[in-house]
Amino acid sequence: MEQDGIETAMLEEFEALDFGDQRAQLIAGRIVVADWPLSDEEGILTATLAELIGTGLRRCPGASCRLALRIGLRIRGKQGRRGRDSYLTPTLTIQCHSGNGDWTPIVVVEVLSGAERRDDVLEKIEEYKSIPTVADILIFGAREMSASHHRRDKGIWLSACRITRPTDILSLEQWSIELRLSQIYQDLST
């Protein structure tokens, strides 16, 4: 399971491993391990986003969707661009009930600690984009007021929008949820 000094695995091998007090993800066949617990900034930002998005979802009575924290998304290599498996645990996921009884991911939210490698973040975004049901990917920085929004429209991924001003708004149009950056970061001193 080691290749050129980098731990690698297939989905089944990865899921059988015990990482103890560390959180691990499989990114295009590569095992990436991070310390646990979250930093204060990550925890506060995650709680705020869960509150704001959850409230927005509950305002849509006809929507059969729910918000989930740190669920595992299994991506088989044939789906991913690199040809290797991924097991990703985004910070938050909006799942909607499909016609066949499954819950499918529609929106993926990542809160970055600042310790992630840029290449890992970019690879994760590409892996999320390979999931056919994912329509929005939101990435937030825990150490600075910033966010990027990757959005799929009619099957095509549009250019990512990066915002950094307190008055900037991210919109999840399907549920009429608008997230103002100042509101998201209100409990963090910047």
C-alpha atoms as a PDB file:
ATOM      1  CA  MET A   1       0.000   0.000   0.000  1.00  0.00           C
ATOM      2  CA  GLU A   2       3.000   2.336  -0.218  1.00  0.00           C
ATOM      3  CA  GLN A   3       3.959   3.876  -3.517  1.00  0.00           C
ATOM      4  CA  ASP A   4       6.897   6.302  -3.851  1.00  0.00           C
ATOM      5  CA  GLY A   5       6.791   7.002  -0.083  1.00  0.00           C
ATOM      6  CA  ILE A   6       3.086   7.932  -0.191  1.00  0.00           C
ATOM      7  CA  GLU A   7       0.490   5.743   1.471  1.00  0.00           C
ATOM      8  CA  THR A   8      -2.029   4.567  -1.102  1.00  0.00           C
ATOM      9  CA  ALA A   9      -5.097   2.368  -0.882  1.00  0.00           C
ATOM     10  CA  MET A  10      -8.251   1.253  -2.600  1.00  0.00           C
ATOM     11  CA  LEU A  11     -11.622   2.012  -0.954  1.00  0.00           C
ATOM     12  CA  GLU A  12     -11.981  -1.343   0.807  1.00  0.00           C
ATOM     13  CA  GLU A  13      -8.393  -1.235   2.140  1.00  0.00           C
ATOM     14  CA  PHE A  14      -8.854   2.326   3.387  1.00  0.00           C
ATOM     15  CA  GLU A  15     -12.140   1.558   5.162  1.00  0.00           C
ATOM     16  CA  ALA A  16     -10.490  -1.360   6.996  1.00  0.00           C
ATOM     17  CA  LEU A  17      -7.707   0.835   8.461  1.00  0.00           C
ATOM     18  CA  ASP A  18      -7.839   2.266  12.007  1.00  0.00           C
ATOM     19  CA  PHE A  19      -6.560   5.840  12.281  1.00  0.00           C
ATOM     20  CA  GLY A  20      -7.141   6.198  16.018  1.00  0.00           C
ATOM     21  CA  ASP A  21      -7.434   9.860  17.042  1.00  0.00           C
ATOM     22  CA  GLN A  22      -6.702  11.149  13.577  1.00  0.00           C
ATOM     23  CA  ARG A  23      -9.126  11.918  10.773  1.00  0.00           C
ATOM     24  CA  ALA A  24      -8.185  10.496   7.408  1.00  0.00           C
ATOM     25  CA  GLN A  25      -9.402  10.787   3.855  1.00  0.00           C
ATOM     26  CA  LEU A  26      -8.543   8.940   0.695  1.00  0.00           C
ATOM     27  CA  ILE A  27      -7.890  11.459  -2.091  1.00  0.00           C
ATOM     28  CA  ALA A  28      -7.490   9.865  -5.527  1.00  0.00           C
ATOM     29  CA  GLY A  29      -5.908   6.775  -3.980  1.00  0.00           C
ATOM     30  CA  ARG A  30      -3.673   8.701  -1.525  1.00  0.00           C
ATOM     31  CA  ILE A  31      -4.210   8.539   2.237  1.00  0.00           C
ATOM     32  CA  VAL A  32      -4.187  12.007   3.836  1.00  0.00           C
ATOM     33  CA  VAL A  33      -4.240  12.145   7.646  1.00  0.00           C
ATOM     34  CA  ALA A  34      -5.007  15.228   9.771  1.00  0.00           C
ATOM     35  CA  ASP A  35      -4.962  15.814  13.500  1.00  0.00           C
ATOM     36  CA  TRP A  36      -8.146  15.760  15.513  1.00  0.00           C
ATOM     37  CA  PRO A  37      -9.873  17.708  17.059  1.00  0.00           C
ATOM     38  CA  LEU A  38     -10.757  20.716  14.930  1.00  0.00           C
ATOM     39  CA  SER A  39      -9.274  24.112  15.694  1.00  0.00           C
ATOM     40  CA  ASP A  40     -11.540  26.589  17.482  1.00  0.00           C
ATOM     41  CA  GLU A  41     -11.997  28.507  14.221  1.00  0.00           C
ATOM     42  CA  GLU A  42     -13.005  25.388  12.278  1.00  0.00           C
ATOM     43  CA  GLY A  43     -15.469  24.324  14.970  1.00  0.00           C
ATOM     44  CA  ILE A  44     -17.097  27.755  15.286  1.00  0.00           C
ATOM     45  CA  LEU A  45     -17.323  28.231  11.518  1.00  0.00           C
ATOM     46  CA  THR A  46     -18.777  24.730  11.065  1.00  0.00           C
ATOM     47  CA  ALA A  47     -21.417  25.341  13.764  1.00  0.00           C
ATOM     48  CA  THR A  48     -22.379  28.699  12.234  1.00  0.00           C
ATOM     49  CA  LEU A  49     -22.672  27.258   8.727  1.00  0.00           C
ATOM     50  CA  ALA A  50     -24.734  24.310  10.005  1.00  0.00           C
ATOM     51  CA  GLU A  51     -27.095  26.713  11.780  1.00  0.00           C
ATOM     52  CA  LEU A  52     -27.509  29.054   8.784  1.00  0.00           C
ATOM     53  CA  ILE A  53     -27.864  26.339   6.140  1.00  0.00           C
ATOM     54  CA  GLY A  54     -30.052  24.142   8.357  1.00  0.00           C
ATOM     55  CA  THR A  55     -32.397  27.057   9.041  1.00  0.00           C
ATOM     56  CA  GLY A  56     -32.600  27.777   5.316  1.00  0.00           C
ATOM     57  CA  LEU A  57     -33.429  24.152   4.501  1.00  0.00           C
ATOM     58  CA  ARG A  58     -36.199  24.035   7.126  1.00  0.00           C
ATOM     59  CA  ARG A  59     -37.824  27.064   5.457  1.00  0.00           C
ATOM     60  CA  CYS A  60     -38.430  24.944   2.338  1.00  0.00           C
ATOM     61  CA  PRO A  61     -41.300  22.672   3.413  1.00  0.00           C
ATOM     62  CA  GLY A  62     -41.542  20.759   0.123  1.00  0.00           C
ATOM     63  CA  ALA A  63     -37.824  19.963  -0.082  1.00  0.00           C
ATOM     64  CA  SER A  64     -36.896  16.469   0.941  1.00  0.00           C
ATOM     65  CA  CYS A  65     -33.357  17.417   1.973  1.00  0.00           C
ATOM     66  CA  ARG A  66     -31.232  17.286   5.108  1.00  0.00           C
ATOM     67  CA  LEU A  67     -27.908  18.592   6.353  1.00  0.00           C
ATOM     68  CA  ALA A  68     -25.245  16.088   7.415  1.00  0.00           C
ATOM     69  CA  LEU A  69     -21.948  16.569   9.263  1.00  0.00           C
ATOM     70  CA  ARG A  70     -18.755  14.754   8.182  1.00  0.00           C
ATOM     71  CA  ILE A  71     -20.410  11.904   6.285  1.00  0.00           C
ATOM     72  CA  GLY A  72     -18.230   9.766   4.044  1.00  0.00           C
ATOM     73  CA  LEU A  73     -18.543  10.111   0.282  1.00  0.00           C
ATOM     74  CA  ARG A  74     -17.270   7.044  -1.596  1.00  0.00           C
ATOM     75  CA  ILE A  75     -15.988   7.779  -5.085  1.00  0.00           C
ATOM     76  CA  ARG A  76     -14.893   4.858  -7.202  1.00  0.00           C
ATOM     77  CA  GLY A  77     -11.876   5.386  -9.446  1.00  0.00           C
ATOM     78  CA  LYS A  78     -13.937   5.098 -12.626  1.00  0.00           C
ATOM     79  CA  GLN A  79     -15.943   8.135 -11.438  1.00  0.00           C
ATOM     80  CA  GLY A  80     -12.922  10.140 -10.318  1.00  0.00           C
ATOM     81  CA  ARG A  81     -10.628  11.811 -12.823  1.00  0.00           C
ATOM     82  CA  ARG A  82      -7.423  10.197 -11.533  1.00  0.00           C
ATOM     83  CA  GLY A  83      -8.640   6.636 -11.961  1.00  0.00           C
ATOM     84  CA  ARG A  84      -8.201   5.898  -8.238  1.00  0.00           C
ATOM     85  CA  ASP A  85     -10.706   5.653  -5.398  1.00  0.00           C
ATOM     86  CA  SER A  86     -11.532   8.465  -2.984  1.00  0.00           C
ATOM     87  CA  TYR A  87     -13.236   8.514   0.403  1.00  0.00           C
ATOM     88  CA  LEU A  88     -13.885  12.120   1.338  1.00  0.00           C
ATOM     89  CA  THR A  89     -15.524  13.552   4.456  1.00  0.00           C
ATOM     90  CA  PRO A  90     -16.652  17.083   3.690  1.00  0.00           C
ATOM     91  CA  THR A  91     -17.428  19.337   6.633  1.00  0.00           C
ATOM     92  CA  LEU A  92     -21.135  19.514   5.720  1.00  0.00           C
ATOM     93  CA  THR A  93     -23.267  17.938   3.009  1.00  0.00           C
ATOM     94  CA  ILE A  94     -26.785  18.725   1.889  1.00  0.00           C
ATOM     95  CA  GLN A  95     -28.378  15.420   0.901  1.00  0.00           C
ATOM     96  CA  CYS A  96     -31.691  15.108  -0.895  1.00  0.00           C
ATOM     97  CA  HIS A  97     -33.979  12.098  -1.074  1.00  0.00           C
ATOM     98  CA  SER A  98     -33.900  10.569  -4.526  1.00  0.00           C
ATOM     99  CA  GLY A  99     -36.765   8.732  -6.170  1.00  0.00           C
ATOM    100  CA  ASN A 100     -35.139   5.346  -5.511  1.00  0.00           C
ATOM    101  CA  GLY A 101     -35.002   5.802  -1.724  1.00  0.00           C
ATOM    102  CA  ASP A 102     -31.348   6.883  -1.438  1.00  0.00           C
ATOM    103  CA  TRP A 103     -29.992  10.126  -0.011  1.00  0.00           C
ATOM    104  CA  THR A 104     -27.714  11.781  -2.565  1.00  0.00           C
ATOM    105  CA  PRO A 105     -25.239  14.622  -2.024  1.00  0.00           C
ATOM    106  CA  ILE A 106     -26.274  17.890  -3.698  1.00  0.00           C
ATOM    107  CA  VAL A 107     -24.093  20.462  -1.921  1.00  0.00           C
ATOM    108  CA  VAL A 108     -20.651  19.915  -0.400  1.00  0.00           C
ATOM    109  CA  VAL A 109     -19.214  22.362   2.143  1.00  0.00           C
ATOM    110  CA  GLU A 110     -15.553  22.336   3.209  1.00  0.00           C
ATOM    111  CA  VAL A 111     -14.073  24.411   6.029  1.00  0.00           C
ATOM    112  CA  LEU A 112     -10.309  24.560   5.569  1.00  0.00           C
ATOM    113  CA  SER A 113      -8.023  24.800   8.581  1.00  0.00           C
ATOM    114  CA  GLY A 114      -5.156  26.350   6.646  1.00  0.00           C
ATOM    115  CA  ALA A 115      -2.984  23.270   7.166  1.00  0.00           C
ATOM    116  CA  GLU A 116      -4.235  21.524   4.016  1.00  0.00           C
ATOM    117  CA  ARG A 117      -1.963  21.279   1.010  1.00  0.00           C
ATOM    118  CA  ARG A 118      -3.243  23.347  -1.909  1.00  0.00           C
ATOM    119  CA  ASP A 119      -2.951  20.336  -4.233  1.00  0.00           C
ATOM    120  CA  ASP A 120      -5.077  18.210  -1.872  1.00  0.00           C
ATOM    121  CA  VAL A 121      -7.829  20.862  -1.843  1.00  0.00           C
ATOM    122  CA  LEU A 122      -7.783  21.156  -5.644  1.00  0.00           C
ATOM    123  CA  GLU A 123      -7.921  17.363  -6.035  1.00  0.00           C
ATOM    124  CA  LYS A 124     -10.836  17.122  -3.601  1.00  0.00           C
ATOM    125  CA  ILE A 125     -12.748  19.750  -5.564  1.00  0.00           C
ATOM    126  CA  GLU A 126     -12.221  17.739  -8.766  1.00  0.00           C
ATOM    127  CA  GLU A 127     -13.366  14.566  -7.003  1.00  0.00           C
ATOM    128  CA  TYR A 128     -16.520  16.294  -5.698  1.00  0.00           C
ATOM    129  CA  LYS A 129     -17.196  17.538  -9.232  1.00  0.00           C
ATOM    130  CA  SER A 130     -17.092  13.927 -10.465  1.00  0.00           C
ATOM    131  CA  ILE A 131     -20.185  13.073  -8.355  1.00  0.00           C
ATOM    132  CA  PRO A 132     -23.089  13.508 -10.803  1.00  0.00           C
ATOM    133  CA  THR A 133     -25.578  14.783  -8.199  1.00  0.00           C
ATOM    134  CA  VAL A 134     -23.332  17.481  -6.690  1.00  0.00           C
ATOM    135  CA  ALA A 135     -24.412  20.923  -7.916  1.00  0.00           C
ATOM    136  CA  ASP A 136     -22.592  23.254  -5.492  1.00  0.00           C
ATOM    137  CA  ILE A 137     -19.240  23.134  -3.696  1.00  0.00           C
ATOM    138  CA  LEU A 138     -18.577  25.774  -1.029  1.00  0.00           C
ATOM    139  CA  ILE A 139     -15.056  26.206   0.381  1.00  0.00           C
ATOM    140  CA  PHE A 140     -14.454  28.412   3.451  1.00  0.00           C
ATOM    141  CA  GLY A 141     -11.178  29.471   5.046  1.00  0.00           C
ATOM    142  CA  ALA A 142     -11.134  29.166   8.840  1.00  0.00           C
ATOM    143  CA  ARG A 143      -8.241  31.590   9.286  1.00  0.00           C
ATOM    144  CA  GLU A 144      -9.483  34.365   7.008  1.00  0.00           C
ATOM    145  CA  MET A 145     -12.811  35.665   5.805  1.00  0.00           C
ATOM    146  CA  SER A 146     -12.980  34.042   2.388  1.00  0.00           C
ATOM    147  CA  ALA A 147     -15.086  31.605   0.438  1.00  0.00           C
ATOM    148  CA  SER A 148     -15.238  30.114  -3.023  1.00  0.00           C
ATOM    149  CA  HIS A 149     -18.342  28.772  -4.734  1.00  0.00           C
ATOM    150  CA  HIS A 150     -18.134  26.172  -7.489  1.00  0.00           C
ATOM    151  CA  ARG A 151     -21.515  25.756  -9.190  1.00  0.00           C
ATOM    152  CA  ARG A 152     -22.847  23.372 -11.831  1.00  0.00           C
ATOM    153  CA  ASP A 153     -25.493  24.778 -14.162  1.00  0.00           C
ATOM    154  CA  LYS A 154     -27.240  22.476 -16.642  1.00  0.00           C
ATOM    155  CA  GLY A 155     -24.447  19.903 -16.279  1.00  0.00           C
ATOM    156  CA  ILE A 156     -21.574  22.359 -16.802  1.00  0.00           C
ATOM    157  CA  TRP A 157     -19.268  23.562 -14.028  1.00  0.00           C
ATOM    158  CA  LEU A 158     -19.021  27.346 -14.103  1.00  0.00           C
ATOM    159  CA  SER A 159     -15.924  29.311 -13.132  1.00  0.00           C
ATOM    160  CA  ALA A 160     -15.463  29.420  -9.369  1.00  0.00           C
ATOM    161  CA  CYS A 161     -16.505  32.617  -7.631  1.00  0.00           C
ATOM    162  CA  ARG A 162     -14.222  33.751  -4.775  1.00  0.00           C
ATOM    163  CA  ILE A 163     -15.523  36.256  -2.232  1.00  0.00           C
ATOM    164  CA  THR A 164     -13.705  38.069   0.572  1.00  0.00           C
ATOM    165  CA  ARG A 165     -15.744  41.178   1.483  1.00  0.00           C
ATOM    166  CA  PRO A 166     -18.063  41.093   4.518  1.00  0.00           C
ATOM    167  CA  THR A 167     -21.009  42.252   2.363  1.00  0.00           C
ATOM    168  CA  ASP A 168     -20.497  39.496  -0.258  1.00  0.00           C
ATOM    169  CA  ILE A 169     -23.229  36.830  -0.496  1.00  0.00           C
ATOM    170  CA  LEU A 170     -23.128  33.144  -1.445  1.00  0.00           C
ATOM    171  CA  SER A 171     -26.418  31.867  -2.801  1.00  0.00           C
ATOM    172  CA  LEU A 172     -27.818  28.330  -2.872  1.00  0.00           C
ATOM    173  CA  GLU A 173     -30.558  29.094  -5.368  1.00  0.00           C
ATOM    174  CA  GLN A 174     -32.413  25.773  -5.154  1.00  0.00           C
ATOM    175  CA  TRP A 175     -33.473  26.593  -1.567  1.00  0.00           C
ATOM    176  CA  SER A 176     -33.311  30.416  -1.763  1.00  0.00           C
ATOM    177  CA  ILE A 177     -30.549  30.368   0.853  1.00  0.00           C
ATOM    178  CA  GLU A 178     -28.343  33.447   0.930  1.00  0.00           C
ATOM    179  CA  LEU A 179     -25.260  33.426   3.120  1.00  0.00           C
ATOM    180  CA  ARG A 180     -23.639  36.820   3.808  1.00  0.00           C
ATOM    181  CA  LEU A 181     -19.944  36.487   4.596  1.00  0.00           C
ATOM    182  CA  SER A 182     -20.175  38.830   7.617  1.00  0.00           C
ATOM    183  CA  GLN A 183     -22.947  36.629   9.066  1.00  0.00           C
ATOM    184  CA  ILE A 184     -20.918  33.446   8.526  1.00  0.00           C
ATOM    185  CA  TYR A 185     -17.828  34.864  10.239  1.00  0.00           C
ATOM    186  CA  GLN A 186     -19.611  36.901  12.934  1.00  0.00           C
ATOM    187  CA  ASP A 187     -18.408  34.721  15.824  1.00  0.00           C
ATOM    188  CA  LEU A 188     -14.771  34.753  14.714  1.00  0.00           C
ATOM    189  CA  SER A 189     -12.472  37.641  15.445  1.00  0.00           C
ATOM    190  CA  THR A 190     -10.561  38.435  12.281  1.00  0.00           C
END
